[in-house]
């Protein structure tokens, strides 16, 4: 019998983990009875009682497993690590806040049985804030234009991944993986399924400007070269224009054109404009360097504090 894993990353989701586990299990007991399942929660150091609820869930159902991180390792490392700890023939990754509907699980499994190794659930419509939707659309289109990888627009990571693909990721050794880019870059035969993203069922989103900025910079520094190339070409063009202006100014001075006067204002404006441009591109270069530095240190994705029900599953597999 094939096993399907469902991996759910969570952080302060005390209001959602119990009803979500019930909704996921209901899909298997009602629509996917021919499969075994495991439900893996990876908790990113919650402080609201989420861990106590996960312990109760694991105690009542050996198919539910939990990983507790020693600290919060960020929105990318924790889910990536959780995906690699699953043991099913395929793994479905989804959020803990019900924005990824559990009702999509049978559809994902059906497409997997048709031979697709990766099935990406893509947000064609969303009940999120229209302004945020607009910003996300612009971001995805800009990233897609600048990248040499065919980035999937409005893809959050919700989808199904065959074990063979996860085996490739286990050899990746990337300390700061950008899941959406990795799937687009290394993905096997894949299919996209549209869905409507729901509103968060309960609780509050933990994304803020700095987390969104961090995600954007990680994607740009990992999958684009355009920023550095724009800086190079822009610097060349500005240098050429500056040399041309200097040459014209020198010629006018040599011919002693009395009416020619050049005040300090144009020079000051030029200095501030060029200074601002330089600071922008120095900052962009710094983002690339920080990304390289983090990868060179090759630190672990996460450090686990506790695992629940993993030993039990391993013993059962050895006994069979």
C-alpha atoms as a PDB file:
ATOM      1  CA  UNK A   1       0.000   0.000   0.000  1.00  0.00           C
ATOM      2  CA  UNK A   2       1.366   3.410  -0.977  1.00  0.00           C
ATOM      3  CA  UNK A   3       1.944   5.994   1.716  1.00  0.00           C
ATOM      4  CA  UNK A   4       1.173   9.690   1.320  1.00  0.00           C
ATOM      5  CA  UNK A   5       2.825  12.201   3.606  1.00  0.00           C
ATOM      6  CA  UNK A   6       1.379  15.604   4.436  1.00  0.00           C
ATOM      7  CA  UNK A   7       3.832  18.133   5.865  1.00  0.00           C
ATOM      8  CA  UNK A   8       2.547  21.211   7.692  1.00  0.00           C
ATOM      9  CA  UNK A   9       4.907  23.914   9.011  1.00  0.00           C
ATOM     10  CA  UNK A  10       3.492  25.938  11.875  1.00  0.00           C
ATOM     11  CA  UNK A  11       4.332  28.825  14.134  1.00  0.00           C
ATOM     12  CA  UNK A  12       1.815  29.963  16.772  1.00  0.00           C
ATOM     13  CA  UNK A  13      -1.087  28.119  15.142  1.00  0.00           C
ATOM     14  CA  UNK A  14      -2.846  26.865  18.279  1.00  0.00           C
ATOM     15  CA  UNK A  15      -6.255  27.706  16.832  1.00  0.00           C
ATOM     16  CA  UNK A  16      -5.637  25.795  13.608  1.00  0.00           C
ATOM     17  CA  UNK A  17      -3.565  22.644  14.121  1.00  0.00           C
ATOM     18  CA  UNK A  18      -6.349  20.500  15.624  1.00  0.00           C
ATOM     19  CA  UNK A  19      -9.100  21.330  13.091  1.00  0.00           C
ATOM     20  CA  UNK A  20      -6.563  21.110  10.251  1.00  0.00           C
ATOM     21  CA  UNK A  21      -5.425  17.648  11.312  1.00  0.00           C
ATOM     22  CA  UNK A  22      -9.076  16.551  11.468  1.00  0.00           C
ATOM     23  CA  UNK A  23      -9.765  17.981   8.007  1.00  0.00           C
ATOM     24  CA  UNK A  24      -6.716  16.287   6.483  1.00  0.00           C
ATOM     25  CA  UNK A  25      -7.455  12.914   8.064  1.00  0.00           C
ATOM     26  CA  UNK A  26     -11.065  13.191   6.858  1.00  0.00           C
ATOM     27  CA  UNK A  27      -9.822  13.393   3.263  1.00  0.00           C
ATOM     28  CA  UNK A  28      -7.990  10.082   3.686  1.00  0.00           C
ATOM     29  CA  UNK A  29     -10.812   8.276   5.497  1.00  0.00           C
ATOM     30  CA  UNK A  30     -13.421   9.441   2.978  1.00  0.00           C
ATOM     31  CA  UNK A  31     -11.643   9.737  -0.373  1.00  0.00           C
ATOM     32  CA  UNK A  32      -8.232   8.070  -0.134  1.00  0.00           C
ATOM     33  CA  UNK A  33      -8.911   4.857   1.775  1.00  0.00           C
ATOM     34  CA  UNK A  34      -6.505   2.869  -0.446  1.00  0.00           C
ATOM     35  CA  UNK A  35      -3.506   4.796   0.916  1.00  0.00           C
ATOM     36  CA  UNK A  36      -1.626   4.925   4.171  1.00  0.00           C
ATOM     37  CA  UNK A  37      -0.894   8.396   5.451  1.00  0.00           C
ATOM     38  CA  UNK A  38       1.401  10.272   7.772  1.00  0.00           C
ATOM     39  CA  UNK A  39       0.861  13.825   8.938  1.00  0.00           C
ATOM     40  CA  UNK A  40       4.067  15.645   9.881  1.00  0.00           C
ATOM     41  CA  UNK A  41       3.951  18.948  11.730  1.00  0.00           C
ATOM     42  CA  UNK A  42       7.181  20.925  12.075  1.00  0.00           C
ATOM     43  CA  UNK A  43       6.883  23.625  14.701  1.00  0.00           C
ATOM     44  CA  UNK A  44       9.146  26.658  14.431  1.00  0.00           C
ATOM     45  CA  UNK A  45       9.374  27.347  18.185  1.00  0.00           C
ATOM     46  CA  UNK A  46       5.777  28.388  18.868  1.00  0.00           C
ATOM     47  CA  UNK A  47       4.963  30.178  22.112  1.00  0.00           C
ATOM     48  CA  UNK A  48       1.148  29.995  22.151  1.00  0.00           C
ATOM     49  CA  UNK A  49       0.471  26.394  23.178  1.00  0.00           C
ATOM     50  CA  UNK A  50       0.755  24.878  19.701  1.00  0.00           C
ATOM     51  CA  UNK A  51       3.295  22.328  20.935  1.00  0.00           C
ATOM     52  CA  UNK A  52       1.017  21.050  23.710  1.00  0.00           C
ATOM     53  CA  UNK A  53      -1.743  20.471  21.178  1.00  0.00           C
ATOM     54  CA  UNK A  54       0.644  18.683  18.822  1.00  0.00           C
ATOM     55  CA  UNK A  55       1.751  16.390  21.647  1.00  0.00           C
ATOM     56  CA  UNK A  56      -1.895  15.483  22.299  1.00  0.00           C
ATOM     57  CA  UNK A  57      -2.481  14.815  18.604  1.00  0.00           C
ATOM     58  CA  UNK A  58       0.586  12.579  18.391  1.00  0.00           C
ATOM     59  CA  UNK A  59      -0.431  10.678  21.521  1.00  0.00           C
ATOM     60  CA  UNK A  60      -3.844   9.932  20.062  1.00  0.00           C
ATOM     61  CA  UNK A  61      -2.740   8.979  16.543  1.00  0.00           C
ATOM     62  CA  UNK A  62       0.585   7.272  15.683  1.00  0.00           C
ATOM     63  CA  UNK A  63       0.250   8.501  12.079  1.00  0.00           C
ATOM     64  CA  UNK A  64       0.691  12.071  13.296  1.00  0.00           C
ATOM     65  CA  UNK A  65       4.298  13.099  13.851  1.00  0.00           C
ATOM     66  CA  UNK A  66       5.856  16.291  15.151  1.00  0.00           C
ATOM     67  CA  UNK A  67       9.231  17.993  14.980  1.00  0.00           C
ATOM     68  CA  UNK A  68       9.981  20.822  17.407  1.00  0.00           C
ATOM     69  CA  UNK A  69      12.732  23.206  16.345  1.00  0.00           C
ATOM     70  CA  UNK A  70      15.121  24.518  18.983  1.00  0.00           C
ATOM     71  CA  UNK A  71      14.427  28.082  17.787  1.00  0.00           C
ATOM     72  CA  UNK A  72      12.700  29.883  14.948  1.00  0.00           C
ATOM     73  CA  UNK A  73      14.758  29.126  11.843  1.00  0.00           C
ATOM     74  CA  UNK A  74      12.707  31.211   9.429  1.00  0.00           C
ATOM     75  CA  UNK A  75       9.960  30.745   6.906  1.00  0.00           C
ATOM     76  CA  UNK A  76      12.073  28.824   4.366  1.00  0.00           C
ATOM     77  CA  UNK A  77      14.384  26.515   6.304  1.00  0.00           C
ATOM     78  CA  UNK A  78      11.780  24.947   8.554  1.00  0.00           C
ATOM     79  CA  UNK A  79       9.335  23.807   5.810  1.00  0.00           C
ATOM     80  CA  UNK A  80      12.217  22.587   3.643  1.00  0.00           C
ATOM     81  CA  UNK A  81      13.624  20.510   6.499  1.00  0.00           C
ATOM     82  CA  UNK A  82      10.162  19.167   7.272  1.00  0.00           C
ATOM     83  CA  UNK A  83       9.673  18.000   3.680  1.00  0.00           C
ATOM     84  CA  UNK A  84      12.930  16.060   3.823  1.00  0.00           C
ATOM     85  CA  UNK A  85      11.855  14.204   6.986  1.00  0.00           C
ATOM     86  CA  UNK A  86       8.762  12.640   5.433  1.00  0.00           C
ATOM     87  CA  UNK A  87       8.726   8.938   4.503  1.00  0.00           C
ATOM     88  CA  UNK A  88       5.839   8.649   2.069  1.00  0.00           C
ATOM     89  CA  UNK A  89       5.921   7.740  -1.610  1.00  0.00           C
ATOM     90  CA  UNK A  90       4.952  11.362  -2.152  1.00  0.00           C
ATOM     91  CA  UNK A  91       4.637  14.380   0.107  1.00  0.00           C
ATOM     92  CA  UNK A  92       2.084  17.183   0.126  1.00  0.00           C
ATOM     93  CA  UNK A  93       3.216  20.486   1.602  1.00  0.00           C
ATOM     94  CA  UNK A  94       0.586  22.904   2.869  1.00  0.00           C
ATOM     95  CA  UNK A  95       0.123  25.797   5.289  1.00  0.00           C
ATOM     96  CA  UNK A  96      -1.426  25.474   8.749  1.00  0.00           C
ATOM     97  CA  UNK A  97      -3.897  28.348   8.404  1.00  0.00           C
ATOM     98  CA  UNK A  98      -6.420  26.735   5.986  1.00  0.00           C
ATOM     99  CA  UNK A  99      -5.451  29.065   3.143  1.00  0.00           C
ATOM    100  CA  UNK A 100      -4.427  25.870   1.342  1.00  0.00           C
ATOM    101  CA  UNK A 101      -7.715  23.893   1.270  1.00  0.00           C
ATOM    102  CA  UNK A 102      -7.463  20.239   2.420  1.00  0.00           C
ATOM    103  CA  UNK A 103     -10.118  19.415  -0.184  1.00  0.00           C
ATOM    104  CA  UNK A 104      -7.387  19.753  -2.806  1.00  0.00           C
ATOM    105  CA  UNK A 105      -5.517  16.702  -1.503  1.00  0.00           C
ATOM    106  CA  UNK A 106      -7.464  14.056  -3.528  1.00  0.00           C
ATOM    107  CA  UNK A 107      -6.997  16.139  -6.702  1.00  0.00           C
ATOM    108  CA  UNK A 108      -3.256  16.319  -6.140  1.00  0.00           C
ATOM    109  CA  UNK A 109      -3.033  12.571  -5.534  1.00  0.00           C
ATOM    110  CA  UNK A 110      -5.094  11.850  -8.670  1.00  0.00           C
ATOM    111  CA  UNK A 111      -2.668  13.809 -10.854  1.00  0.00           C
ATOM    112  CA  UNK A 112       0.272  12.063  -9.185  1.00  0.00           C
ATOM    113  CA  UNK A 113      -1.220   8.702 -10.135  1.00  0.00           C
ATOM    114  CA  UNK A 114      -1.383   9.963 -13.734  1.00  0.00           C
ATOM    115  CA  UNK A 115       2.408  10.089 -13.785  1.00  0.00           C
ATOM    116  CA  UNK A 116       3.222  13.658 -12.763  1.00  0.00           C
ATOM    117  CA  UNK A 117       6.140  13.849 -10.333  1.00  0.00           C
ATOM    118  CA  UNK A 118       5.296  17.355  -9.135  1.00  0.00           C
ATOM    119  CA  UNK A 119       1.847  18.944  -8.932  1.00  0.00           C
ATOM    120  CA  UNK A 120       1.877  22.633  -8.082  1.00  0.00           C
ATOM    121  CA  UNK A 121      -1.255  24.292  -6.738  1.00  0.00           C
ATOM    122  CA  UNK A 122      -1.302  27.815  -8.184  1.00  0.00           C
ATOM    123  CA  UNK A 123      -3.395  30.672  -6.798  1.00  0.00           C
ATOM    124  CA  UNK A 124      -5.498  31.821  -9.745  1.00  0.00           C
ATOM    125  CA  UNK A 125      -7.788  33.767  -7.424  1.00  0.00           C
ATOM    126  CA  UNK A 126      -7.408  34.776  -3.813  1.00  0.00           C
ATOM    127  CA  UNK A 127      -9.426  36.223  -0.964  1.00  0.00           C
ATOM    128  CA  UNK A 128      -6.421  38.100   0.362  1.00  0.00           C
ATOM    129  CA  UNK A 129      -6.106  41.884   0.361  1.00  0.00           C
ATOM    130  CA  UNK A 130      -6.370  43.140  -3.277  1.00  0.00           C
ATOM    131  CA  UNK A 131      -3.428  45.494  -2.752  1.00  0.00           C
ATOM    132  CA  UNK A 132      -1.226  42.637  -1.535  1.00  0.00           C
ATOM    133  CA  UNK A 133      -2.411  40.566  -4.476  1.00  0.00           C
ATOM    134  CA  UNK A 134      -1.316  43.339  -6.845  1.00  0.00           C
ATOM    135  CA  UNK A 135       2.132  43.614  -5.225  1.00  0.00           C
ATOM    136  CA  UNK A 136       2.595  39.852  -5.388  1.00  0.00           C
ATOM    137  CA  UNK A 137       1.625  39.822  -9.065  1.00  0.00           C
ATOM    138  CA  UNK A 138       4.150  42.543  -9.892  1.00  0.00           C
ATOM    139  CA  UNK A 139       6.819  40.723  -7.865  1.00  0.00           C
ATOM    140  CA  UNK A 140       6.288  37.382  -9.616  1.00  0.00           C
ATOM    141  CA  UNK A 141       6.261  38.926 -13.085  1.00  0.00           C
ATOM    142  CA  UNK A 142       9.394  40.951 -12.390  1.00  0.00           C
ATOM    143  CA  UNK A 143      11.206  37.931 -10.968  1.00  0.00           C
ATOM    144  CA  UNK A 144      10.118  35.786 -13.901  1.00  0.00           C
ATOM    145  CA  UNK A 145      11.407  38.355 -16.401  1.00  0.00           C
ATOM    146  CA  UNK A 146      14.755  38.745 -14.649  1.00  0.00           C
ATOM    147  CA  UNK A 147      15.410  35.070 -13.916  1.00  0.00           C
ATOM    148  CA  UNK A 148      16.752  32.390 -16.235  1.00  0.00           C
ATOM    149  CA  UNK A 149      14.508  29.928 -14.387  1.00  0.00           C
ATOM    150  CA  UNK A 150      10.835  29.704 -15.294  1.00  0.00           C
ATOM    151  CA  UNK A 151       9.492  30.883 -11.936  1.00  0.00           C
ATOM    152  CA  UNK A 152       5.896  29.780 -11.302  1.00  0.00           C
ATOM    153  CA  UNK A 153       3.667  32.775 -10.638  1.00  0.00           C
ATOM    154  CA  UNK A 154       1.491  32.785  -7.497  1.00  0.00           C
ATOM    155  CA  UNK A 155       2.955  29.503  -6.291  1.00  0.00           C
ATOM    156  CA  UNK A 156       3.473  29.383  -2.522  1.00  0.00           C
ATOM    157  CA  UNK A 157       4.775  25.813  -2.197  1.00  0.00           C
ATOM    158  CA  UNK A 158       1.389  24.142  -1.811  1.00  0.00           C
ATOM    159  CA  UNK A 159       1.559  21.002  -3.898  1.00  0.00           C
ATOM    160  CA  UNK A 160       2.553  17.345  -4.154  1.00  0.00           C
ATOM    161  CA  UNK A 161       6.116  16.094  -4.652  1.00  0.00           C
ATOM    162  CA  UNK A 162       7.205  12.590  -5.532  1.00  0.00           C
ATOM    163  CA  UNK A 163       9.736  10.854  -3.324  1.00  0.00           C
ATOM    164  CA  UNK A 164      12.282  10.765  -6.169  1.00  0.00           C
ATOM    165  CA  UNK A 165      12.260  14.575  -6.281  1.00  0.00           C
ATOM    166  CA  UNK A 166      12.714  14.825  -2.519  1.00  0.00           C
ATOM    167  CA  UNK A 167      15.643  12.408  -2.768  1.00  0.00           C
ATOM    168  CA  UNK A 168      17.308  14.912  -5.110  1.00  0.00           C
ATOM    169  CA  UNK A 169      16.673  17.710  -2.613  1.00  0.00           C
ATOM    170  CA  UNK A 170      18.268  15.680   0.175  1.00  0.00           C
ATOM    171  CA  UNK A 171      21.542  15.935  -1.738  1.00  0.00           C
ATOM    172  CA  UNK A 172      21.193  19.665  -2.366  1.00  0.00           C
ATOM    173  CA  UNK A 173      22.818  20.897   0.882  1.00  0.00           C
ATOM    174  CA  UNK A 174      21.535  24.449   0.509  1.00  0.00           C
ATOM    175  CA  UNK A 175      21.432  26.253   3.895  1.00  0.00           C
ATOM    176  CA  UNK A 176      19.003  28.920   2.608  1.00  0.00           C
ATOM    177  CA  UNK A 177      16.720  27.155   0.114  1.00  0.00           C
ATOM    178  CA  UNK A 178      14.089  29.124  -1.796  1.00  0.00           C
ATOM    179  CA  UNK A 179      11.465  26.415  -2.328  1.00  0.00           C
ATOM    180  CA  UNK A 180       9.605  28.072  -5.210  1.00  0.00           C
ATOM    181  CA  UNK A 181      12.807  28.547  -7.141  1.00  0.00           C
ATOM    182  CA  UNK A 182      14.104  25.043  -6.377  1.00  0.00           C
ATOM    183  CA  UNK A 183      10.902  23.455  -7.673  1.00  0.00           C
ATOM    184  CA  UNK A 184      11.033  25.524 -10.865  1.00  0.00           C
ATOM    185  CA  UNK A 185      14.727  24.824 -11.405  1.00  0.00           C
ATOM    186  CA  UNK A 186      14.971  21.125 -10.542  1.00  0.00           C
ATOM    187  CA  UNK A 187      11.412  19.940 -11.029  1.00  0.00           C
ATOM    188  CA  UNK A 188      10.644  16.812 -13.026  1.00  0.00           C
ATOM    189  CA  UNK A 189       7.479  16.333 -15.007  1.00  0.00           C
ATOM    190  CA  UNK A 190       5.061  18.721 -13.379  1.00  0.00           C
ATOM    191  CA  UNK A 191       1.533  19.990 -13.667  1.00  0.00           C
ATOM    192  CA  UNK A 192      -0.196  23.093 -12.346  1.00  0.00           C
ATOM    193  CA  UNK A 193      -3.647  22.965 -10.735  1.00  0.00           C
ATOM    194  CA  UNK A 194      -5.484  26.249 -10.167  1.00  0.00           C
ATOM    195  CA  UNK A 195      -7.246  26.954  -6.889  1.00  0.00           C
ATOM    196  CA  UNK A 196      -8.707  29.835  -4.919  1.00  0.00           C
ATOM    197  CA  UNK A 197      -6.691  30.762  -1.883  1.00  0.00           C
ATOM    198  CA  UNK A 198      -8.910  31.045   1.161  1.00  0.00           C
ATOM    199  CA  UNK A 199      -8.765  33.528   3.995  1.00  0.00           C
ATOM    200  CA  UNK A 200      -6.871  32.563   7.114  1.00  0.00           C
ATOM    201  CA  UNK A 201      -9.246  30.551   9.310  1.00  0.00           C
ATOM    202  CA  UNK A 202      -7.985  31.917  12.629  1.00  0.00           C
ATOM    203  CA  UNK A 203      -5.033  33.683  14.127  1.00  0.00           C
ATOM    204  CA  UNK A 204      -2.848  36.341  12.579  1.00  0.00           C
ATOM    205  CA  UNK A 205      -0.335  36.144   9.778  1.00  0.00           C
ATOM    206  CA  UNK A 206       3.270  36.545  10.957  1.00  0.00           C
ATOM    207  CA  UNK A 207       4.490  37.970   7.664  1.00  0.00           C
ATOM    208  CA  UNK A 208       5.633  41.572   7.879  1.00  0.00           C
ATOM    209  CA  UNK A 209       7.589  43.941   5.656  1.00  0.00           C
ATOM    210  CA  UNK A 210      10.971  42.590   6.742  1.00  0.00           C
ATOM    211  CA  UNK A 211      10.008  38.938   6.172  1.00  0.00           C
ATOM    212  CA  UNK A 212       8.559  39.752   2.757  1.00  0.00           C
ATOM    213  CA  UNK A 213      11.656  41.787   1.884  1.00  0.00           C
ATOM    214  CA  UNK A 214      13.875  38.905   2.991  1.00  0.00           C
ATOM    215  CA  UNK A 215      11.917  36.524   0.766  1.00  0.00           C
ATOM    216  CA  UNK A 216      12.167  38.873  -2.193  1.00  0.00           C
ATOM    217  CA  UNK A 217      15.925  39.366  -1.771  1.00  0.00           C
ATOM    218  CA  UNK A 218      16.512  35.635  -1.388  1.00  0.00           C
ATOM    219  CA  UNK A 219      14.684  34.965  -4.634  1.00  0.00           C
ATOM    220  CA  UNK A 220      16.485  37.730  -6.542  1.00  0.00           C
ATOM    221  CA  UNK A 221      19.976  36.866  -5.291  1.00  0.00           C
ATOM    222  CA  UNK A 222      19.428  33.129  -5.865  1.00  0.00           C
ATOM    223  CA  UNK A 223      17.871  33.211  -9.311  1.00  0.00           C
ATOM    224  CA  UNK A 224      18.752  36.449 -11.074  1.00  0.00           C
ATOM    225  CA  UNK A 225      21.898  38.101 -12.451  1.00  0.00           C
ATOM    226  CA  UNK A 226      20.069  41.094 -13.851  1.00  0.00           C
ATOM    227  CA  UNK A 227      20.713  43.394 -10.899  1.00  0.00           C
ATOM    228  CA  UNK A 228      24.488  43.171 -11.168  1.00  0.00           C
ATOM    229  CA  UNK A 229      24.393  43.403 -14.946  1.00  0.00           C
ATOM    230  CA  UNK A 230      22.213  46.514 -14.809  1.00  0.00           C
ATOM    231  CA  UNK A 231      24.729  48.054 -12.415  1.00  0.00           C
ATOM    232  CA  UNK A 232      27.575  47.235 -14.797  1.00  0.00           C
ATOM    233  CA  UNK A 233      25.870  48.645 -17.890  1.00  0.00           C
ATOM    234  CA  UNK A 234      24.511  51.644 -16.022  1.00  0.00           C
ATOM    235  CA  UNK A 235      27.940  52.436 -14.628  1.00  0.00           C
ATOM    236  CA  UNK A 236      29.459  52.210 -18.109  1.00  0.00           C
ATOM    237  CA  UNK A 237      26.813  54.527 -19.578  1.00  0.00           C
ATOM    238  CA  UNK A 238      27.173  57.099 -16.783  1.00  0.00           C
ATOM    239  CA  UNK A 239      30.949  57.020 -17.133  1.00  0.00           C
ATOM    240  CA  UNK A 240      30.707  57.585 -20.889  1.00  0.00           C
ATOM    241  CA  UNK A 241      28.290  60.494 -20.451  1.00  0.00           C
ATOM    242  CA  UNK A 242      30.497  62.029 -17.734  1.00  0.00           C
ATOM    243  CA  UNK A 243      33.584  61.809 -19.946  1.00  0.00           C
ATOM    244  CA  UNK A 244      31.700  63.378 -22.826  1.00  0.00           C
ATOM    245  CA  UNK A 245      30.473  66.256 -20.645  1.00  0.00           C
ATOM    246  CA  UNK A 246      33.990  66.774 -19.269  1.00  0.00           C
ATOM    247  CA  UNK A 247      35.393  66.868 -22.795  1.00  0.00           C
ATOM    248  CA  UNK A 248      32.805  69.420 -23.940  1.00  0.00           C
ATOM    249  CA  UNK A 249      33.443  71.534 -20.837  1.00  0.00           C
ATOM    250  CA  UNK A 250      37.207  71.432 -21.458  1.00  0.00           C
ATOM    251  CA  UNK A 251      36.808  72.500 -25.087  1.00  0.00           C
ATOM    252  CA  UNK A 252      34.548  75.406 -24.134  1.00  0.00           C
ATOM    253  CA  UNK A 253      37.056  76.536 -21.543  1.00  0.00           C
ATOM    254  CA  UNK A 254      39.902  76.324 -24.036  1.00  0.00           C
ATOM    255  CA  UNK A 255      38.133  78.463 -26.596  1.00  0.00           C
ATOM    256  CA  UNK A 256      37.456  80.948 -23.761  1.00  0.00           C
ATOM    257  CA  UNK A 257      33.760  81.247 -24.385  1.00  0.00           C
ATOM    258  CA  UNK A 258      32.914  84.201 -22.090  1.00  0.00           C
ATOM    259  CA  UNK A 259      29.204  83.529 -21.971  1.00  0.00           C
ATOM    260  CA  UNK A 260      29.719  79.977 -20.848  1.00  0.00           C
ATOM    261  CA  UNK A 261      29.091  79.674 -17.127  1.00  0.00           C
ATOM    262  CA  UNK A 262      28.541  76.576 -15.102  1.00  0.00           C
ATOM    263  CA  UNK A 263      27.348  77.137 -11.549  1.00  0.00           C
ATOM    264  CA  UNK A 264      27.588  74.800  -8.603  1.00  0.00           C
ATOM    265  CA  UNK A 265      23.959  73.616  -8.733  1.00  0.00           C
ATOM    266  CA  UNK A 266      24.372  71.121 -11.622  1.00  0.00           C
ATOM    267  CA  UNK A 267      27.482  69.693  -9.960  1.00  0.00           C
ATOM    268  CA  UNK A 268      25.729  69.246  -6.613  1.00  0.00           C
ATOM    269  CA  UNK A 269      22.675  67.653  -8.244  1.00  0.00           C
ATOM    270  CA  UNK A 270      24.910  65.299 -10.197  1.00  0.00           C
ATOM    271  CA  UNK A 271      26.832  64.312  -7.071  1.00  0.00           C
ATOM    272  CA  UNK A 272      23.654  63.516  -5.130  1.00  0.00           C
ATOM    273  CA  UNK A 273      22.082  61.592  -8.022  1.00  0.00           C
ATOM    274  CA  UNK A 274      25.195  59.535  -8.677  1.00  0.00           C
ATOM    275  CA  UNK A 275      25.704  59.031  -4.933  1.00  0.00           C
ATOM    276  CA  UNK A 276      22.186  57.677  -4.559  1.00  0.00           C
ATOM    277  CA  UNK A 277      22.648  55.340  -7.508  1.00  0.00           C
ATOM    278  CA  UNK A 278      25.937  54.092  -6.099  1.00  0.00           C
ATOM    279  CA  UNK A 279      24.420  53.434  -2.672  1.00  0.00           C
ATOM    280  CA  UNK A 280      21.545  51.502  -4.258  1.00  0.00           C
ATOM    281  CA  UNK A 281      23.828  49.208  -6.218  1.00  0.00           C
ATOM    282  CA  UNK A 282      26.262  48.820  -3.317  1.00  0.00           C
ATOM    283  CA  UNK A 283      23.306  47.660  -1.217  1.00  0.00           C
ATOM    284  CA  UNK A 284      22.249  45.243  -3.952  1.00  0.00           C
ATOM    285  CA  UNK A 285      25.797  43.917  -4.177  1.00  0.00           C
ATOM    286  CA  UNK A 286      25.743  43.489  -0.406  1.00  0.00           C
ATOM    287  CA  UNK A 287      22.618  41.315  -0.672  1.00  0.00           C
ATOM    288  CA  UNK A 288      24.414  39.016  -3.110  1.00  0.00           C
ATOM    289  CA  UNK A 289      27.485  38.868  -0.858  1.00  0.00           C
ATOM    290  CA  UNK A 290      25.381  38.044   2.225  1.00  0.00           C
ATOM    291  CA  UNK A 291      23.672  35.266   0.284  1.00  0.00           C
ATOM    292  CA  UNK A 292      27.039  33.851  -0.792  1.00  0.00           C
ATOM    293  CA  UNK A 293      28.417  34.157   2.746  1.00  0.00           C
ATOM    294  CA  UNK A 294      25.474  32.257   4.250  1.00  0.00           C
ATOM    295  CA  UNK A 295      25.840  29.462   1.735  1.00  0.00           C
ATOM    296  CA  UNK A 296      29.595  29.225   2.278  1.00  0.00           C
ATOM    297  CA  UNK A 297      29.092  28.762   6.037  1.00  0.00           C
ATOM    298  CA  UNK A 298      26.865  25.765   5.220  1.00  0.00           C
ATOM    299  CA  UNK A 299      25.059  25.731   8.539  1.00  0.00           C
ATOM    300  CA  UNK A 300      22.264  23.177   9.148  1.00  0.00           C
ATOM    301  CA  UNK A 301      18.765  24.021   7.979  1.00  0.00           C
ATOM    302  CA  UNK A 302      17.381  23.693  11.514  1.00  0.00           C
ATOM    303  CA  UNK A 303      18.356  22.229  14.863  1.00  0.00           C
ATOM    304  CA  UNK A 304      15.714  19.927  16.263  1.00  0.00           C
ATOM    305  CA  UNK A 305      14.768  19.975  19.922  1.00  0.00           C
ATOM    306  CA  UNK A 306      12.359  17.032  19.920  1.00  0.00           C
ATOM    307  CA  UNK A 307      10.747  14.463  17.647  1.00  0.00           C
ATOM    308  CA  UNK A 308       7.506  12.632  18.362  1.00  0.00           C
ATOM    309  CA  UNK A 309       6.315   9.326  16.824  1.00  0.00           C
ATOM    310  CA  UNK A 310       9.255   9.006  14.440  1.00  0.00           C
ATOM    311  CA  UNK A 311      10.909   6.208  16.420  1.00  0.00           C
ATOM    312  CA  UNK A 312       7.630   4.322  16.581  1.00  0.00           C
ATOM    313  CA  UNK A 313       7.210   4.486  12.803  1.00  0.00           C
ATOM    314  CA  UNK A 314      10.799   3.305  12.209  1.00  0.00           C
ATOM    315  CA  UNK A 315      10.295   0.293  14.511  1.00  0.00           C
ATOM    316  CA  UNK A 316       7.061  -0.638  12.731  1.00  0.00           C
ATOM    317  CA  UNK A 317       8.802  -0.487   9.348  1.00  0.00           C
ATOM    318  CA  UNK A 318      11.647  -2.708  10.598  1.00  0.00           C
ATOM    319  CA  UNK A 319       9.215  -5.262  12.016  1.00  0.00           C
ATOM    320  CA  UNK A 320       7.412  -5.539   8.683  1.00  0.00           C
END
